Amino acid sequence: MTFSIVAREQVGEGHSFGVGVTTNNPGIGVFCPAVSASGAVATQYQTYGEVGPQVRGYLEDGLRADDAAAAALAASESAPMLQVHALGAQSRAVHHGADFVAEQEELGAAYGDIAGENYSVAGNTLVNQATLETTAESFAAASPDRPLAVRLIEALVAGDEAGGDRRDADARSAAVRVVDPTAGVANEWYNDLRVDASASPLADLRSQYDRAKQYHQDASAEWS
């Protein structure tokens, strides 16, 4: 049903963080990604709005990702049905709720997570484990000189082509959100994008990124 990638990279004396996610339901960008200059988190499966922002808030308060996720999940009644993964500046957290795992096993669906040095991939209700593996491999192999948002989108495309979601839908969605403290004015135009209901959300998301990035470049030339 959903797979996502959370990533971080060193920029100056701090970090940029990002989340890319896609699912067979509408509006995944509303609740799943929560990102700041302190960390990033993706909440999925039965996504509830309070957990991601709470984890992000704890990261901003200086907690490690594992402690931030544990604190937010301990206070949430929805924790047993959630899949959550997060990155802080030097830490990672992952959570597969007990009821979530039971449902995935009953469905016979592929699910799980993969960790890299600066990224985390997690998904559920998938065709195969290759979806997660290929998403991770694509991101790990991408040049760090390319924009983080592009690498996140392309990693999702690779995962989708390797298997993706078990279920087809005409109202699928995708989102990418990147917070880069060194980026220019109004970088949210291309670093915070959503496709809320589409039969081809990842292609649409990449197209949105390209158009928004070009518009930002044109506008920046006028501002300078």
Foldseek 3Di string as FASTA:
>chain_A
DKKKKWFWDDDDPFIKIKMKMKDQAFDLLPAAWDGDSFKIKGKDDPTDRPQRVQLVVVSVVPDASQVSNVVSLVPDPCQLQIWMWMHGRQHIHTGHHVVNVVVQVVVVADWDKDDDRTMIMTDGQWQDPVLRVQLVVQLVPDDPVDDPQVSRLVSNVRSVVRTGHPDAHAFMKMWMAMYDPPDDPPPCLQRTDMDGGGNCHSVVNVVSNVVSVVVVVVVVVVVD
